[in-house]
C-alpha atoms as a PDB file:
ATOM      1  CA  MET A   1     227.970 -33.715 -31.724  1.00  0.00           C
ATOM      2  CA  PRO A   2     229.083 -31.679 -28.601  1.00  0.00           C
ATOM      3  CA  LYS A   3     227.759 -32.931 -25.220  1.00  0.00           C
ATOM      4  CA  PRO A   4     226.912 -31.052 -22.502  1.00  0.00           C
ATOM      5  CA  ALA A   5     229.690 -30.641 -19.098  1.00  0.00           C
ATOM      6  CA  LEU A   6     229.591 -33.813 -17.258  1.00  0.00           C
ATOM      7  CA  ASN A   7     227.870 -32.070 -13.817  1.00  0.00           C
ATOM      8  CA  ASN A   8     225.140 -32.120 -16.061  1.00  0.00           C
ATOM      9  CA  ALA A   9     224.937 -36.046 -16.186  1.00  0.00           C
ATOM     10  CA  ILE A  10     222.274 -37.722 -13.953  1.00  0.00           C
ATOM     11  CA  ALA A  11     223.394 -39.187 -11.007  1.00  0.00           C
ATOM     12  CA  PRO A  12     224.049 -42.903 -11.605  1.00  0.00           C
ATOM     13  CA  GLY A  13     221.839 -44.691  -9.071  1.00  0.00           C
ATOM     14  CA  ASP A  14     218.933 -42.367 -10.135  1.00  0.00           C
ATOM     15  CA  HIS A  15     218.277 -44.361 -13.880  1.00  0.00           C
ATOM     16  CA  ALA A  16     218.470 -47.420 -11.811  1.00  0.00           C
ATOM     17  CA  ILE A  17     215.054 -46.895 -10.771  1.00  0.00           C
ATOM     18  CA  LEU A  18     213.675 -46.856 -14.328  1.00  0.00           C
ATOM     19  CA  ARG A  19     215.315 -50.031 -15.296  1.00  0.00           C
ATOM     20  CA  GLN A  20     213.515 -52.122 -12.354  1.00  0.00           C
ATOM     21  CA  VAL A  21     210.340 -50.400 -13.531  1.00  0.00           C
ATOM     22  CA  LEU A  22     210.583 -52.222 -17.308  1.00  0.00           C
ATOM     23  CA  ASP A  23     212.198 -55.158 -15.309  1.00  0.00           C
ATOM     24  CA  ASP A  24     208.937 -55.602 -12.867  1.00  0.00           C
ATOM     25  CA  ALA A  25     206.494 -54.021 -15.896  1.00  0.00           C
ATOM     26  CA  GLY A  26     208.496 -57.279 -18.152  1.00  0.00           C
ATOM     27  CA  ARG A  27     207.884 -59.858 -15.798  1.00  0.00           C
ATOM     28  CA  LEU A  28     203.788 -59.740 -16.161  1.00  0.00           C
ATOM     29  CA  ILE A  29     203.922 -58.365 -19.991  1.00  0.00           C
ATOM     30  CA  VAL A  30     206.216 -60.590 -21.224  1.00  0.00           C
ATOM     31  CA  GLY A  31     208.433 -60.456 -24.677  1.00  0.00           C
ATOM     32  CA  LYS A  32     207.339 -56.754 -25.477  1.00  0.00           C
ATOM     33  CA  PRO A  33     210.175 -54.719 -24.104  1.00  0.00           C
ATOM     34  CA  GLN A  34     209.827 -52.309 -26.211  1.00  0.00           C
ATOM     35  CA  ALA A  35     206.249 -51.671 -26.210  1.00  0.00           C
ATOM     36  CA  LEU A  36     207.219 -51.364 -22.618  1.00  0.00           C
ATOM     37  CA  ARG A  37     209.895 -48.883 -22.640  1.00  0.00           C
ATOM     38  CA  LEU A  38     208.202 -46.729 -25.113  1.00  0.00           C
ATOM     39  CA  SER A  39     204.533 -46.766 -22.437  1.00  0.00           C
ATOM     40  CA  LEU A  40     207.711 -45.646 -19.698  1.00  0.00           C
ATOM     41  CA  ALA A  41     208.788 -42.425 -21.870  1.00  0.00           C
ATOM     42  CA  CYS A  42     205.240 -41.167 -22.539  1.00  0.00           C
ATOM     43  CA  VAL A  43     204.813 -41.222 -18.908  1.00  0.00           C
ATOM     44  CA  LEU A  44     208.064 -39.642 -17.863  1.00  0.00           C
ATOM     45  CA  ALA A  45     207.301 -36.898 -21.041  1.00  0.00           C
ATOM     46  CA  GLY A  46     203.777 -36.057 -19.804  1.00  0.00           C
ATOM     47  CA  GLY A  47     201.750 -37.303 -22.523  1.00  0.00           C
ATOM     48  CA  HIS A  48     199.046 -39.721 -23.221  1.00  0.00           C
ATOM     49  CA  LEU A  49     199.099 -43.294 -24.322  1.00  0.00           C
ATOM     50  CA  LEU A  50     197.145 -44.799 -27.356  1.00  0.00           C
ATOM     51  CA  ILE A  51     197.793 -48.484 -27.910  1.00  0.00           C
ATOM     52  CA  GLU A  52     195.850 -49.856 -30.632  1.00  0.00           C
ATOM     53  CA  ASP A  53     195.319 -53.322 -31.253  1.00  0.00           C
ATOM     54  CA  ILE A  54     192.790 -57.078 -31.165  1.00  0.00           C
ATOM     55  CA  PRO A  55     191.440 -57.728 -28.016  1.00  0.00           C
ATOM     56  CA  GLY A  56     193.341 -60.135 -25.755  1.00  0.00           C
ATOM     57  CA  VAL A  57     196.791 -58.708 -26.551  1.00  0.00           C
ATOM     58  CA  GLY A  58     197.498 -57.207 -22.698  1.00  0.00           C
ATOM     59  CA  LYS A  59     196.276 -53.832 -23.634  1.00  0.00           C
ATOM     60  CA  THR A  60     194.598 -53.430 -20.006  1.00  0.00           C
ATOM     61  CA  THR A  61     197.156 -55.522 -18.338  1.00  0.00           C
ATOM     62  CA  LEU A  62     199.888 -52.816 -19.067  1.00  0.00           C
ATOM     63  CA  ALA A  63     197.651 -49.845 -18.031  1.00  0.00           C
ATOM     64  CA  HIS A  64     197.131 -52.209 -14.719  1.00  0.00           C
ATOM     65  CA  VAL A  65     201.253 -52.308 -14.509  1.00  0.00           C
ATOM     66  CA  LEU A  66     201.929 -49.239 -15.091  1.00  0.00           C
ATOM     67  CA  ALA A  67     200.089 -47.853 -12.442  1.00  0.00           C
ATOM     68  CA  ARG A  68     200.638 -50.149  -9.515  1.00  0.00           C
ATOM     69  CA  LEU A  69     204.438 -49.018 -10.582  1.00  0.00           C
ATOM     70  CA  LEU A  70     204.506 -45.721 -10.347  1.00  0.00           C
ATOM     71  CA  GLY A  71     202.464 -45.985  -7.410  1.00  0.00           C
ATOM     72  CA  LEU A  72     199.458 -43.895  -9.300  1.00  0.00           C
ATOM     73  CA  ASP A  73     195.545 -43.545  -8.568  1.00  0.00           C
ATOM     74  CA  PHE A  74     193.874 -46.107 -11.448  1.00  0.00           C
ATOM     75  CA  GLN A  75     190.449 -45.640 -12.400  1.00  0.00           C
ATOM     76  CA  ARG A  76     189.355 -47.408 -15.605  1.00  0.00           C
ATOM     77  CA  ILE A  77     186.222 -46.503 -17.871  1.00  0.00           C
ATOM     78  CA  GLN A  78     184.821 -48.922 -20.240  1.00  0.00           C
ATOM     79  CA  PHE A  79     183.972 -46.749 -22.985  1.00  0.00           C
ATOM     80  CA  THR A  80     180.474 -48.102 -24.408  1.00  0.00           C
ATOM     81  CA  ALA A  81     177.849 -47.021 -27.618  1.00  0.00           C
ATOM     82  CA  ASP A  82     175.416 -45.773 -24.872  1.00  0.00           C
ATOM     83  CA  MET A  83     178.070 -43.881 -22.869  1.00  0.00           C
ATOM     84  CA  LEU A  84     177.706 -40.145 -22.027  1.00  0.00           C
ATOM     85  CA  PRO A  85     179.785 -37.759 -21.040  1.00  0.00           C
ATOM     86  CA  ALA A  86     178.725 -37.105 -18.122  1.00  0.00           C
ATOM     87  CA  ASP A  87     179.923 -40.922 -16.753  1.00  0.00           C
ATOM     88  CA  ILE A  88     183.412 -39.705 -17.503  1.00  0.00           C
ATOM     89  CA  LEU A  89     183.163 -36.493 -15.898  1.00  0.00           C
ATOM     90  CA  GLY A  90     180.699 -36.072 -13.227  1.00  0.00           C
ATOM     91  CA  VAL A  91     177.253 -35.381 -12.326  1.00  0.00           C
ATOM     92  CA  SER A  92     175.465 -32.852  -9.800  1.00  0.00           C
ATOM     93  CA  ILE A  93     173.240 -34.564  -7.750  1.00  0.00           C
ATOM     94  CA  TYR A  94     170.196 -32.077  -5.742  1.00  0.00           C
ATOM     95  CA  ASP A  95     170.649 -32.857  -1.911  1.00  0.00           C
ATOM     96  CA  ARG A  96     167.434 -32.668  -0.334  1.00  0.00           C
ATOM     97  CA  ASP A  97     169.077 -31.930   2.812  1.00  0.00           C
ATOM     98  CA  ASP A  98     170.598 -28.359   2.569  1.00  0.00           C
ATOM     99  CA  GLY A  99     169.036 -27.512  -0.501  1.00  0.00           C
ATOM    100  CA  ARG A 100     171.989 -27.416  -2.866  1.00  0.00           C
ATOM    101  CA  PHE A 101     173.414 -29.506  -6.352  1.00  0.00           C
ATOM    102  CA  HIS A 102     176.599 -31.157  -4.862  1.00  0.00           C
ATOM    103  CA  PHE A 103     178.784 -31.657  -7.558  1.00  0.00           C
ATOM    104  CA  HIS A 104     180.071 -35.595  -8.248  1.00  0.00           C
ATOM    105  CA  PRO A 105     183.588 -36.380  -9.360  1.00  0.00           C
ATOM    106  CA  GLY A 106     183.972 -39.181 -12.502  1.00  0.00           C
ATOM    107  CA  PRO A 107     186.923 -41.363 -12.929  1.00  0.00           C
ATOM    108  CA  VAL A 108     188.586 -38.487 -15.319  1.00  0.00           C
ATOM    109  CA  PHE A 109     189.223 -37.872 -11.707  1.00  0.00           C
ATOM    110  CA  ALA A 110     192.455 -40.072 -11.110  1.00  0.00           C
ATOM    111  CA  GLN A 111     196.001 -39.668 -11.742  1.00  0.00           C
ATOM    112  CA  LEU A 112     196.460 -42.705 -14.257  1.00  0.00           C
ATOM    113  CA  VAL A 113     192.825 -42.800 -16.503  1.00  0.00           C
ATOM    114  CA  LEU A 114     192.638 -45.787 -18.565  1.00  0.00           C
ATOM    115  CA  ALA A 115     189.972 -45.463 -21.568  1.00  0.00           C
ATOM    116  CA  ASP A 116     189.257 -48.749 -22.688  1.00  0.00           C
ATOM    117  CA  GLU A 117     188.335 -49.522 -25.788  1.00  0.00           C
ATOM    118  CA  ILE A 118     187.632 -45.869 -26.737  1.00  0.00           C
ATOM    119  CA  ASN A 119     186.915 -46.296 -30.249  1.00  0.00           C
ATOM    120  CA  ARG A 120     183.592 -48.192 -29.148  1.00  0.00           C
ATOM    121  CA  ALA A 121     181.949 -44.718 -27.892  1.00  0.00           C
ATOM    122  CA  THR A 122     180.399 -42.033 -29.510  1.00  0.00           C
ATOM    123  CA  PRO A 123     182.404 -39.111 -31.155  1.00  0.00           C
ATOM    124  CA  LYS A 124     180.706 -36.985 -28.678  1.00  0.00           C
ATOM    125  CA  THR A 125     181.506 -38.785 -25.746  1.00  0.00           C
ATOM    126  CA  GLN A 126     185.179 -39.295 -26.829  1.00  0.00           C
ATOM    127  CA  SER A 127     185.236 -35.423 -27.283  1.00  0.00           C
ATOM    128  CA  ALA A 128     184.604 -35.069 -23.186  1.00  0.00           C
ATOM    129  CA  LEU A 129     188.048 -36.515 -22.953  1.00  0.00           C
ATOM    130  CA  LEU A 130     189.396 -33.788 -25.187  1.00  0.00           C
ATOM    131  CA  GLU A 131     189.910 -30.860 -21.977  1.00  0.00           C
ATOM    132  CA  ALA A 132     191.238 -33.046 -19.659  1.00  0.00           C
ATOM    133  CA  MET A 133     193.610 -34.365 -21.882  1.00  0.00           C
ATOM    134  CA  GLU A 134     194.979 -31.104 -22.835  1.00  0.00           C
ATOM    135  CA  GLU A 135     194.429 -28.964 -19.772  1.00  0.00           C
ATOM    136  CA  ARG A 136     194.437 -31.305 -17.353  1.00  0.00           C
ATOM    137  CA  GLN A 137     190.583 -29.553 -16.105  1.00  0.00           C
ATOM    138  CA  VAL A 138     186.744 -30.522 -16.989  1.00  0.00           C
ATOM    139  CA  THR A 139     184.195 -27.737 -16.898  1.00  0.00           C
ATOM    140  CA  ALA A 140     180.813 -29.181 -15.469  1.00  0.00           C
ATOM    141  CA  ASP A 141     178.113 -26.825 -14.491  1.00  0.00           C
ATOM    142  CA  GLY A 142     179.802 -23.457 -15.687  1.00  0.00           C
ATOM    143  CA  GLU A 143     182.816 -24.421 -13.272  1.00  0.00           C
ATOM    144  CA  THR A 144     186.021 -25.638 -13.351  1.00  0.00           C
ATOM    145  CA  ARG A 145     187.707 -28.017 -11.766  1.00  0.00           C
ATOM    146  CA  GLU A 146     191.192 -29.036 -11.539  1.00  0.00           C
ATOM    147  CA  LEU A 147     192.626 -33.168 -12.581  1.00  0.00           C
ATOM    148  CA  PRO A 148     195.188 -34.449  -9.982  1.00  0.00           C
ATOM    149  CA  GLU A 149     198.696 -34.566 -10.507  1.00  0.00           C
ATOM    150  CA  PRO A 150     199.861 -36.517 -12.503  1.00  0.00           C
ATOM    151  CA  PHE A 151     197.280 -37.006 -15.002  1.00  0.00           C
ATOM    152  CA  PHE A 152     197.802 -39.411 -17.498  1.00  0.00           C
ATOM    153  CA  VAL A 153     195.317 -41.386 -19.861  1.00  0.00           C
ATOM    154  CA  ILE A 154     196.100 -44.671 -21.329  1.00  0.00           C
ATOM    155  CA  ALA A 155     193.633 -45.429 -24.169  1.00  0.00           C
ATOM    156  CA  THR A 156     192.306 -48.603 -26.159  1.00  0.00           C
ATOM    157  CA  GLN A 157     191.294 -48.803 -29.195  1.00  0.00           C
ATOM    158  CA  ASN A 158     190.484 -51.840 -31.032  1.00  0.00           C
ATOM    159  CA  PRO A 159     191.107 -52.260 -35.177  1.00  0.00           C
ATOM    160  CA  ARG A 160     188.572 -49.893 -37.196  1.00  0.00           C
ATOM    161  CA  SER A 161     187.859 -53.277 -38.965  1.00  0.00           C
ATOM    162  CA  GLN A 162     186.061 -54.281 -36.002  1.00  0.00           C
ATOM    163  CA  ILE A 163     181.969 -53.647 -35.751  1.00  0.00           C
ATOM    164  CA  GLY A 164     181.244 -51.125 -33.598  1.00  0.00           C
ATOM    165  CA  THR A 165     183.922 -48.786 -33.758  1.00  0.00           C
ATOM    166  CA  PHE A 166     184.055 -44.837 -34.524  1.00  0.00           C
ATOM    167  CA  GLY A 167     187.350 -43.745 -35.147  1.00  0.00           C
ATOM    168  CA  LEU A 168     188.548 -40.989 -33.274  1.00  0.00           C
ATOM    169  CA  PRO A 169     189.076 -37.720 -35.212  1.00  0.00           C
ATOM    170  CA  GLU A 170     192.570 -35.573 -35.733  1.00  0.00           C
ATOM    171  CA  SER A 171     191.958 -33.674 -33.240  1.00  0.00           C
ATOM    172  CA  GLN A 172     191.794 -36.050 -30.445  1.00  0.00           C
ATOM    173  CA  LEU A 173     194.196 -38.916 -32.054  1.00  0.00           C
ATOM    174  CA  ASP A 174     197.351 -35.277 -31.992  1.00  0.00           C
ATOM    175  CA  ARG A 175     196.023 -35.191 -27.884  1.00  0.00           C
ATOM    176  CA  PHE A 176     198.243 -38.243 -27.550  1.00  0.00           C
ATOM    177  CA  LEU A 177     201.915 -37.851 -27.337  1.00  0.00           C
ATOM    178  CA  MET A 178     202.637 -41.439 -28.840  1.00  0.00           C
ATOM    179  CA  ARG A 179     200.453 -44.227 -30.357  1.00  0.00           C
ATOM    180  CA  ILE A 180     201.878 -48.112 -30.128  1.00  0.00           C
ATOM    181  CA  SER A 181     200.997 -51.832 -30.713  1.00  0.00           C
ATOM    182  CA  LEU A 182     201.312 -54.488 -28.390  1.00  0.00           C
ATOM    183  CA  GLY A 183     200.767 -57.264 -30.955  1.00  0.00           C
ATOM    184  CA  TYR A 184     200.939 -61.191 -30.619  1.00  0.00           C
ATOM    185  CA  PRO A 185     203.568 -62.640 -28.600  1.00  0.00           C
ATOM    186  CA  ASP A 186     206.260 -64.552 -29.971  1.00  0.00           C
ATOM    187  CA  ALA A 187     206.381 -68.547 -28.982  1.00  0.00           C
ATOM    188  CA  ALA A 188     208.866 -68.273 -26.336  1.00  0.00           C
ATOM    189  CA  ALA A 189     206.490 -65.569 -24.688  1.00  0.00           C
ATOM    190  CA  GLU A 190     203.293 -67.355 -25.343  1.00  0.00           C
ATOM    191  CA  ARG A 191     204.697 -70.358 -23.992  1.00  0.00           C
ATOM    192  CA  GLU A 192     205.667 -68.286 -20.715  1.00  0.00           C
ATOM    193  CA  LEU A 193     202.366 -66.973 -20.400  1.00  0.00           C
ATOM    194  CA  LEU A 194     200.801 -70.537 -20.583  1.00  0.00           C
ATOM    195  CA  ALA A 195     202.937 -72.438 -18.375  1.00  0.00           C
ATOM    196  CA  GLY A 196     203.102 -69.030 -15.570  1.00  0.00           C
ATOM    197  CA  SER A 197     200.800 -67.925 -13.330  1.00  0.00           C
ATOM    198  CA  ASP A 198     197.628 -65.747 -13.864  1.00  0.00           C
ATOM    199  CA  ARG A 199     198.534 -62.355 -14.583  1.00  0.00           C
ATOM    200  CA  ARG A 200     195.906 -60.855 -12.330  1.00  0.00           C
ATOM    201  CA  SER A 201     197.295 -62.725  -9.503  1.00  0.00           C
ATOM    202  CA  LEU A 202     200.699 -61.178 -10.599  1.00  0.00           C
ATOM    203  CA  LEU A 203     199.482 -57.664 -10.408  1.00  0.00           C
ATOM    204  CA  ARG A 204     198.289 -57.911  -7.122  1.00  0.00           C
ATOM    205  CA  GLN A 205     202.052 -58.917  -6.024  1.00  0.00           C
ATOM    206  CA  VAL A 206     203.442 -55.791  -7.748  1.00  0.00           C
ATOM    207  CA  THR A 207     204.481 -53.286  -5.296  1.00  0.00           C
ATOM    208  CA  PRO A 208     205.337 -49.259  -6.737  1.00  0.00           C
ATOM    209  CA  ARG A 209     208.925 -47.969  -7.428  1.00  0.00           C
ATOM    210  CA  ILE A 210     208.067 -44.352  -8.268  1.00  0.00           C
ATOM    211  CA  GLY A 211     205.532 -42.222  -6.535  1.00  0.00           C
ATOM    212  CA  PRO A 212     203.650 -39.103  -7.220  1.00  0.00           C
ATOM    213  CA  GLN A 213     205.930 -36.605  -6.377  1.00  0.00           C
ATOM    214  CA  SER A 214     208.557 -38.599  -7.175  1.00  0.00           C
ATOM    215  CA  LEU A 215     207.002 -39.063 -10.891  1.00  0.00           C
ATOM    216  CA  LEU A 216     206.230 -35.193 -11.050  1.00  0.00           C
ATOM    217  CA  ALA A 217     210.068 -34.389  -9.879  1.00  0.00           C
ATOM    218  CA  TRP A 218     211.179 -37.331 -13.294  1.00  0.00           C
ATOM    219  CA  GLN A 219     208.719 -35.226 -15.200  1.00  0.00           C
ATOM    220  CA  ALA A 220     210.471 -31.600 -14.586  1.00  0.00           C
ATOM    221  CA  HIS A 221     214.027 -33.249 -15.070  1.00  0.00           C
ATOM    222  CA  VAL A 222     212.938 -34.274 -18.563  1.00  0.00           C
ATOM    223  CA  GLU A 223     212.286 -30.827 -19.862  1.00  0.00           C
ATOM    224  CA  ARG A 224     216.264 -30.177 -18.543  1.00  0.00           C
ATOM    225  CA  ILE A 225     217.301 -33.140 -20.763  1.00  0.00           C
ATOM    226  CA  HIS A 226     220.483 -30.796 -23.112  1.00  0.00           C
ATOM    227  CA  VAL A 227     219.278 -30.897 -26.803  1.00  0.00           C
ATOM    228  CA  SER A 228     221.990 -29.625 -28.850  1.00  0.00           C
ATOM    229  CA  PRO A 229     221.999 -27.822 -32.197  1.00  0.00           C
ATOM    230  CA  ALA A 230     222.816 -30.287 -34.460  1.00  0.00           C
ATOM    231  CA  LEU A 231     219.668 -32.478 -32.930  1.00  0.00           C
ATOM    232  CA  LEU A 232     217.258 -29.808 -33.237  1.00  0.00           C
ATOM    233  CA  ASP A 233     218.499 -29.319 -37.173  1.00  0.00           C
ATOM    234  CA  TYR A 234     217.397 -33.380 -36.979  1.00  0.00           C
ATOM    235  CA  VAL A 235     214.036 -32.901 -35.613  1.00  0.00           C
ATOM    236  CA  GLN A 236     213.411 -30.154 -38.361  1.00  0.00           C
ATOM    237  CA  ALA A 237     214.538 -31.781 -41.514  1.00  0.00           C
ATOM    238  CA  LEU A 238     212.411 -34.763 -40.487  1.00  0.00           C
ATOM    239  CA  VAL A 239     209.026 -32.705 -39.968  1.00  0.00           C
ATOM    240  CA  GLY A 240     210.322 -30.773 -42.655  1.00  0.00           C
ATOM    241  CA  ALA A 241     210.348 -33.937 -44.980  1.00  0.00           C
ATOM    242  CA  THR A 242     206.632 -34.733 -44.146  1.00  0.00           C
ATOM    243  CA  ARG A 243     205.380 -31.545 -45.198  1.00  0.00           C
ATOM    244  CA  VAL A 244     207.224 -31.440 -49.113  1.00  0.00           C
ATOM    245  CA  SER A 245     206.985 -34.842 -49.215  1.00  0.00           C
ATOM    246  CA  ALA A 246     204.437 -36.827 -51.858  1.00  0.00           C
ATOM    247  CA  HIS A 247     203.669 -39.938 -49.540  1.00  0.00           C
ATOM    248  CA  TRP A 248     201.703 -37.664 -46.503  1.00  0.00           C
ATOM    249  CA  GLU A 249     198.046 -35.855 -46.811  1.00  0.00           C
ATOM    250  CA  ILE A 250     199.849 -33.556 -44.376  1.00  0.00           C
ATOM    251  CA  GLY A 251     202.605 -32.671 -42.866  1.00  0.00           C
ATOM    252  CA  LEU A 252     203.810 -33.132 -38.885  1.00  0.00           C
ATOM    253  CA  SER A 253     202.696 -29.828 -37.368  1.00  0.00           C
ATOM    254  CA  PRO A 254     204.603 -27.554 -34.618  1.00  0.00           C
ATOM    255  CA  ARG A 255     203.251 -29.457 -31.984  1.00  0.00           C
ATOM    256  CA  ALA A 256     204.118 -32.838 -33.413  1.00  0.00           C
ATOM    257  CA  ALA A 257     208.047 -31.480 -33.188  1.00  0.00           C
ATOM    258  CA  LEU A 258     207.634 -30.549 -29.922  1.00  0.00           C
ATOM    259  CA  ALA A 259     205.937 -33.934 -28.928  1.00  0.00           C
ATOM    260  CA  LEU A 260     208.560 -35.920 -31.006  1.00  0.00           C
ATOM    261  CA  LEU A 261     211.205 -33.113 -29.084  1.00  0.00           C
ATOM    262  CA  ARG A 262     209.660 -34.810 -25.343  1.00  0.00           C
ATOM    263  CA  ALA A 263     209.656 -37.844 -26.165  1.00  0.00           C
ATOM    264  CA  ALA A 264     213.285 -38.236 -27.907  1.00  0.00           C
ATOM    265  CA  ARG A 265     214.049 -36.811 -23.953  1.00  0.00           C
ATOM    266  CA  ALA A 266     212.456 -39.145 -21.655  1.00  0.00           C
ATOM    267  CA  TRP A 267     213.749 -41.635 -23.523  1.00  0.00           C
ATOM    268  CA  ALA A 268     217.246 -40.815 -23.527  1.00  0.00           C
ATOM    269  CA  MET A 269     216.525 -40.823 -19.953  1.00  0.00           C
ATOM    270  CA  ILE A 270     215.965 -43.699 -19.593  1.00  0.00           C
ATOM    271  CA  ASP A 271     219.583 -44.643 -20.624  1.00  0.00           C
ATOM    272  CA  GLY A 272     220.574 -42.100 -17.885  1.00  0.00           C
ATOM    273  CA  ARG A 273     222.269 -39.525 -20.220  1.00  0.00           C
ATOM    274  CA  ALA A 274     221.418 -36.161 -19.895  1.00  0.00           C
ATOM    275  CA  HIS A 275     221.877 -35.077 -23.629  1.00  0.00           C
ATOM    276  CA  VAL A 276     219.886 -36.195 -26.885  1.00  0.00           C
ATOM    277  CA  VAL A 277     221.079 -38.274 -29.447  1.00  0.00           C
ATOM    278  CA  PRO A 278     219.729 -38.972 -33.147  1.00  0.00           C
ATOM    279  CA  GLU A 279     219.179 -42.508 -32.067  1.00  0.00           C
ATOM    280  CA  ASP A 280     217.027 -40.876 -29.919  1.00  0.00           C
ATOM    281  CA  VAL A 281     214.895 -39.295 -31.621  1.00  0.00           C
ATOM    282  CA  GLN A 282     214.817 -42.841 -34.313  1.00  0.00           C
ATOM    283  CA  ALA A 283     213.995 -44.505 -31.356  1.00  0.00           C
ATOM    284  CA  VAL A 284     210.206 -42.897 -30.860  1.00  0.00           C
ATOM    285  CA  LEU A 285     209.633 -41.307 -33.982  1.00  0.00           C
ATOM    286  CA  PRO A 286     206.860 -44.197 -35.577  1.00  0.00           C
ATOM    287  CA  SER A 287     204.948 -44.239 -32.328  1.00  0.00           C
ATOM    288  CA  VAL A 288     204.766 -40.427 -32.164  1.00  0.00           C
ATOM    289  CA  ALA A 289     204.373 -40.031 -35.877  1.00  0.00           C
ATOM    290  CA  SER A 290     202.241 -42.558 -37.174  1.00  0.00           C
ATOM    291  CA  HIS A 291     198.805 -41.670 -35.428  1.00  0.00           C
ATOM    292  CA  ARG A 292     199.112 -38.220 -37.003  1.00  0.00           C
ATOM    293  CA  LEU A 293     200.428 -39.008 -40.153  1.00  0.00           C
ATOM    294  CA  ASN A 294     197.937 -39.829 -43.147  1.00  0.00           C
ATOM    295  CA  ALA A 295     200.003 -42.206 -46.187  1.00  0.00           C
ATOM    296  CA  LEU A 296     198.539 -41.580 -49.610  1.00  0.00           C
ATOM    297  CA  GLU A 297     199.542 -44.884 -50.459  1.00  0.00           C
ATOM    298  CA  GLY A 298     200.879 -47.705 -48.793  1.00  0.00           C
ATOM    299  CA  ASP A 299     201.611 -49.000 -44.736  1.00  0.00           C
ATOM    300  CA  THR A 300     201.884 -45.949 -42.758  1.00  0.00           C
ATOM    301  CA  THR A 301     204.537 -47.164 -40.769  1.00  0.00           C
ATOM    302  CA  GLU A 302     206.664 -48.448 -43.108  1.00  0.00           C
ATOM    303  CA  GLN A 303     206.234 -44.805 -44.912  1.00  0.00           C
ATOM    304  CA  VAL A 304     207.710 -43.229 -41.771  1.00  0.00           C
ATOM    305  CA  ARG A 305     210.480 -45.808 -41.476  1.00  0.00           C
ATOM    306  CA  ALA A 306     211.264 -44.696 -45.653  1.00  0.00           C
ATOM    307  CA  LEU A 307     211.091 -41.194 -43.567  1.00  0.00           C
ATOM    308  CA  LEU A 308     214.459 -42.388 -41.116  1.00  0.00           C
ATOM    309  CA  GLU A 309     216.085 -43.688 -43.726  1.00  0.00           C
ATOM    310  CA  GLY A 310     215.927 -40.911 -46.197  1.00  0.00           C
ATOM    311  CA  VAL A 311     216.682 -37.686 -43.745  1.00  0.00           C
ATOM    312  CA  ALA A 312     220.358 -37.192 -43.057  1.00  0.00           C
ATOM    313  CA  ILE A 313     221.662 -37.105 -39.945  1.00  0.00           C
ATOM    314  CA  PRO A 314     223.131 -33.358 -39.484  1.00  0.00           C
END
């Protein structure tokens, strides 16, 4: 597979900052390097992240850590069954002094929004995030208001088997570039957690490594990561295989293919490369595709692994 000219390569010191972000995050979220790298790649690709797991494994801490390291304005929204869309978007309140309504922005007007336990809210409230996530704007009282840049949503959800959850519809799942799961830590990582300092006190010591303007520059650089025609053939082969396979209810859409390509570019950039290789696509495919595919039989994650094994690299 041909590679771009050397003058297109990322400067040697640049991606070291990204590695430092991962190293700092790994001191608080121990034993989860793959999940941390996927999360960072999702941010660099300009997408939203869904973390699905049981309570208590570090989902909320991960969002806090990313916000701190990236220097982003942060808001947390705790979703509940009685929450209304106005609790997210904001509300207009009448001011007697000047006889007018004034809009009071909701917590969605932040650079990084943690939508905690999003599937505990009703579908009506869940849908209030749709326009914000897709258009980077909200409409309230007939007026469209821009959200800050960069804008990034990390949503957490509990397993559907837990009481009091409302499954996210496919249209909303598709707004998330990636879905990941943290899982239980291994014995060594859990021992480090038990013997170490409280995570909240460690979080207060975290200092930003990248500011909002630098993050926007990194996101723009992702689009310049080279993708060869052979690599595009591979992406198309993977996506096409899901559309003709009897294992899936429906195949991956063109939007999913674009998401896969953006994520692979970001993954390559973290490595300091100016071109994408098939291994980049393979690394991000499970997180990009698993929430967009419904296996007709068996486990979706296992079927995605079988997809990677079954499609040859051009």
